[in-house]
Amino acid sequence: MSGDKLLYKKMTLEELVVLSQKEDYKALEELIRKVQTDVYATLSYLSKSNDNLSDLTQEVLLKLANNIHNLKNPKCFKGWLNQIITNTYYDDIRKKKHKPDTISIDYTCEPLNIEFKIDIPDKKNKPIEKCITSECEKFIKSAIRELPEAFRVAIILREFQGLSYEEIAQTTHASIGTVKSRISRARIKLQEALKNYI
């Protein structure tokens, strides 16, 4: 690995943002590499299906690259990126509402079925424990996808992205009280849905 690549790999997101804003394309490349899995994961929980997650992820990363110079405060990068993710998600929903359903008649081409998987690093896990962990992940993801949209967005931004109540309120254009209420209700619904599994 070249010294340059190693140097960029060791940088924080904030440092990479600052360099990206100065048109350092290697820093931008590393920034995108560091966030792409999180972007995909967030979209996979927001969306009720896996149909076009790769396309949406690419769209978010392209918007990031094209608009990084508009971010005024590099310390706010995570909240800014989550705003792009949620806006892209809602734009996609609006597009789907205006699109008529179509049926493919091409039998030879199957769609890519990409499934996001959370790896829980525990080398002590035996095969049966790994299987149980994988099943748990499926139940959790399914339960999250069944939440009402406002609850789903709030809980994902809080629990998976680590945003503050204020950042979630700003991202979702809701009051802090509403955000707290949505997260609380989402947690109750998830506990109820998962009580037999966890």
Protein backbone atom coordinates (compact mmCIF):
# COMPACT_ATOMS: atom_id res chain seq x y z
CA MET A 1 0.00 0.00 0.00
CA SER A 2 1.43 3.39 -0.94
CA GLY A 3 2.21 5.95 1.77
CA ASP A 4 -0.46 8.31 0.41
CA LYS A 5 -3.24 5.72 0.73
CA LEU A 6 -2.16 4.81 4.25
CA LEU A 7 -2.11 8.49 5.22
CA TYR A 8 -5.67 9.01 3.98
CA LYS A 9 -6.88 5.80 5.67
CA LYS A 10 -5.73 7.14 9.05
CA MET A 11 -7.59 10.46 8.69
CA THR A 12 -10.83 11.26 10.46
CA LEU A 13 -14.00 11.98 8.50
CA GLU A 14 -13.67 15.65 9.36
CA GLU A 15 -10.08 15.82 7.99
CA LEU A 16 -11.18 14.05 4.81
CA VAL A 17 -14.09 16.47 4.38
CA VAL A 18 -11.79 19.50 4.70
CA LEU A 19 -9.39 18.09 2.08
CA SER A 20 -12.26 17.04 -0.20
CA GLN A 21 -13.57 20.61 -0.10
CA LYS A 22 -10.12 21.70 -1.34
CA GLU A 23 -10.59 19.40 -4.36
CA ASP A 24 -8.30 16.67 -3.04
CA TYR A 25 -9.83 13.77 -4.98
CA LYS A 26 -7.91 11.07 -3.10
CA ALA A 27 -9.40 12.39 0.15
CA LEU A 28 -12.86 12.37 -1.43
CA GLU A 29 -12.34 8.80 -2.63
CA GLU A 30 -11.34 7.71 0.88
CA LEU A 31 -14.28 9.61 2.41
CA ILE A 32 -16.70 7.79 0.11
CA ARG A 33 -15.02 4.45 0.85
CA LYS A 34 -15.42 5.06 4.60
CA VAL A 35 -19.12 5.97 4.48
CA GLN A 36 -20.52 3.76 1.71
CA THR A 37 -21.30 0.76 3.95
CA ASP A 38 -23.11 2.99 6.47
CA VAL A 39 -25.08 4.65 3.67
CA TYR A 40 -26.13 1.24 2.31
CA ALA A 41 -27.00 -0.03 5.79
CA THR A 42 -29.12 3.02 6.61
CA LEU A 43 -31.00 2.76 3.31
CA SER A 44 -31.52 -0.98 3.85
CA TYR A 45 -33.34 -0.28 7.11
CA LEU A 46 -35.29 2.70 5.75
CA SER A 47 -36.53 0.86 2.68
CA LYS A 48 -39.08 -1.94 2.94
CA SER A 49 -37.41 -3.87 0.12
CA ASN A 50 -33.90 -4.45 -1.20
CA ASP A 51 -34.89 -3.76 -4.81
CA ASN A 52 -32.78 -0.72 -5.62
CA LEU A 53 -30.55 -0.23 -2.57
CA SER A 54 -27.35 -0.25 -4.65
CA ASP A 55 -28.75 2.43 -6.97
CA LEU A 56 -29.89 4.59 -4.06
CA THR A 57 -26.50 4.19 -2.36
CA GLN A 58 -24.74 5.30 -5.57
CA GLU A 59 -27.12 8.26 -5.83
CA VAL A 60 -26.35 9.35 -2.25
CA LEU A 61 -22.58 9.01 -2.78
CA LEU A 62 -22.78 10.99 -6.02
CA LYS A 63 -24.71 13.77 -4.25
CA LEU A 64 -22.08 13.72 -1.50
CA ALA A 65 -19.27 14.12 -4.05
CA ASN A 66 -21.05 16.86 -6.02
CA ASN A 67 -22.12 18.89 -2.99
CA ILE A 68 -19.30 18.46 -0.46
CA HIS A 69 -18.15 22.04 -1.12
CA ASN A 70 -21.57 23.30 0.10
CA LEU A 71 -21.07 21.90 3.61
CA LYS A 72 -20.25 24.93 5.78
CA ASN A 73 -19.09 23.10 8.90
CA PRO A 74 -17.10 19.84 8.44
CA LYS A 75 -18.01 18.86 12.04
CA CYS A 76 -21.63 18.54 10.88
CA PHE A 77 -20.75 16.05 8.11
CA LYS A 78 -22.64 13.10 9.60
CA GLY A 79 -25.89 15.06 10.01
CA TRP A 80 -25.46 16.56 6.53
CA LEU A 81 -24.91 13.10 5.00
CA ASN A 82 -27.98 11.72 6.78
CA GLN A 83 -30.01 14.61 5.36
CA ILE A 84 -28.89 13.50 1.87
CA ILE A 85 -29.77 9.87 2.67
CA THR A 86 -33.27 10.67 3.95
CA ASN A 87 -33.97 13.15 1.12
CA THR A 88 -32.85 10.58 -1.47
CA TYR A 89 -35.03 7.94 0.18
CA TYR A 90 -38.11 10.21 0.18
CA ASP A 91 -37.44 11.29 -3.42
CA ASP A 92 -37.38 7.61 -4.42
CA ILE A 93 -40.71 6.99 -2.67
CA ARG A 94 -42.27 9.97 -4.48
CA LYS A 95 -40.95 8.68 -7.85
CA LYS A 96 -42.40 5.22 -7.20
CA LYS A 97 -45.84 6.69 -6.45
CA HIS A 98 -45.92 8.24 -9.92
CA LYS A 99 -44.58 5.17 -11.74
CA PRO A 100 -47.01 2.51 -12.99
CA ASP A 101 -46.22 -1.07 -12.02
CA THR A 102 -44.43 -3.00 -14.76
CA ILE A 103 -43.81 -6.68 -15.35
CA SER A 104 -40.56 -7.86 -16.86
CA ILE A 105 -40.81 -10.34 -19.74
CA ASP A 106 -37.08 -11.01 -19.83
CA TYR A 107 -36.75 -14.49 -18.30
CA THR A 108 -32.99 -14.77 -18.73
CA CYS A 109 -32.00 -11.78 -16.64
CA GLU A 110 -32.55 -12.05 -12.91
CA PRO A 111 -32.23 -8.96 -10.70
CA LEU A 112 -29.21 -8.68 -8.42
CA ASN A 113 -30.29 -9.68 -4.95
CA ILE A 114 -27.87 -7.93 -2.64
CA GLU A 115 -28.54 -8.48 1.04
CA PHE A 116 -26.90 -6.25 3.63
CA LYS A 117 -25.52 -8.24 6.53
CA ILE A 118 -24.28 -6.96 9.87
CA ASP A 119 -21.24 -8.94 10.98
CA ILE A 120 -20.91 -9.17 14.72
CA PRO A 121 -17.21 -9.83 15.32
CA ASP A 122 -16.97 -12.66 17.84
CA LYS A 123 -14.49 -15.33 16.90
CA LYS A 124 -15.68 -17.53 19.77
CA ASN A 125 -19.06 -18.09 18.09
CA LYS A 126 -19.71 -21.71 17.21
CA PRO A 127 -21.66 -22.46 13.98
CA ILE A 128 -24.99 -22.79 15.84
CA GLU A 129 -24.43 -19.43 17.61
CA LYS A 130 -23.61 -17.78 14.26
CA CYS A 131 -26.82 -19.18 12.84
CA ILE A 132 -28.84 -17.81 15.78
CA THR A 133 -27.15 -14.40 15.41
CA SER A 134 -27.99 -14.34 11.70
CA GLU A 135 -31.62 -15.26 12.42
CA CYS A 136 -31.80 -12.52 15.07
CA GLU A 137 -30.55 -9.96 12.55
CA LYS A 138 -33.29 -11.00 10.12
CA PHE A 139 -36.00 -10.64 12.78
CA ILE A 140 -34.67 -7.23 13.86
CA LYS A 141 -34.47 -5.95 10.30
CA SER A 142 -37.94 -7.24 9.53
CA ALA A 143 -39.37 -5.64 12.70
CA ILE A 144 -37.74 -2.30 11.87
CA ARG A 145 -39.08 -2.41 8.30
CA GLU A 146 -42.61 -2.96 9.66
CA LEU A 147 -42.53 0.22 11.76
CA PRO A 148 -44.51 3.23 10.50
CA GLU A 149 -42.21 5.32 8.32
CA ALA A 150 -41.79 8.27 10.73
CA PHE A 151 -40.85 5.90 13.57
CA ARG A 152 -38.51 3.89 11.32
CA VAL A 153 -36.59 6.96 10.15
CA ALA A 154 -36.24 8.36 13.68
CA ILE A 155 -35.04 5.10 15.27
CA ILE A 156 -32.54 4.41 12.47
CA LEU A 157 -31.03 7.88 12.67
CA ARG A 158 -30.78 7.57 16.46
CA GLU A 159 -29.67 3.96 16.98
CA PHE A 160 -27.73 3.20 13.79
CA GLN A 161 -26.34 6.61 12.87
CA GLY A 162 -25.93 7.96 16.41
CA LEU A 163 -27.51 11.35 15.66
CA SER A 164 -28.65 13.60 18.50
CA TYR A 165 -32.34 14.46 18.95
CA GLU A 166 -31.58 17.94 17.58
CA GLU A 167 -29.92 16.53 14.44
CA ILE A 168 -32.82 14.12 13.86
CA ALA A 169 -35.31 16.96 14.31
CA GLN A 170 -33.43 19.01 11.72
CA THR A 171 -33.13 16.08 9.29
CA THR A 172 -36.79 15.08 9.53
CA HIS A 173 -38.19 18.63 9.84
CA ALA A 174 -39.91 17.79 13.13
CA SER A 175 -39.77 19.20 16.65
CA ILE A 176 -37.46 17.62 19.24
CA GLY A 177 -40.53 16.54 21.25
CA THR A 178 -41.96 14.77 18.20
CA VAL A 179 -38.63 13.05 17.56
CA LYS A 180 -38.39 11.82 21.18
CA SER A 181 -41.97 10.57 21.02
CA ARG A 182 -41.37 8.72 17.71
CA ILE A 183 -38.20 7.06 19.04
CA SER A 184 -39.91 6.05 22.28
CA ARG A 185 -42.90 4.59 20.41
CA ALA A 186 -40.60 2.85 17.92
CA ARG A 187 -38.70 1.20 20.80
CA ILE A 188 -41.95 0.00 22.39
CA LYS A 189 -43.16 -1.44 19.08
CA LEU A 190 -39.80 -3.17 18.48
CA GLN A 191 -39.77 -4.66 22.00
CA GLU A 192 -43.27 -5.99 21.41
CA ALA A 193 -42.42 -7.38 17.95
CA LEU A 194 -39.20 -9.03 19.14
CA LYS A 195 -40.22 -10.27 22.59
CA ASN A 196 -40.34 -13.90 21.42
CA TYR A 197 -36.90 -13.74 19.76
CA ILE A 198 -34.68 -11.68 22.05
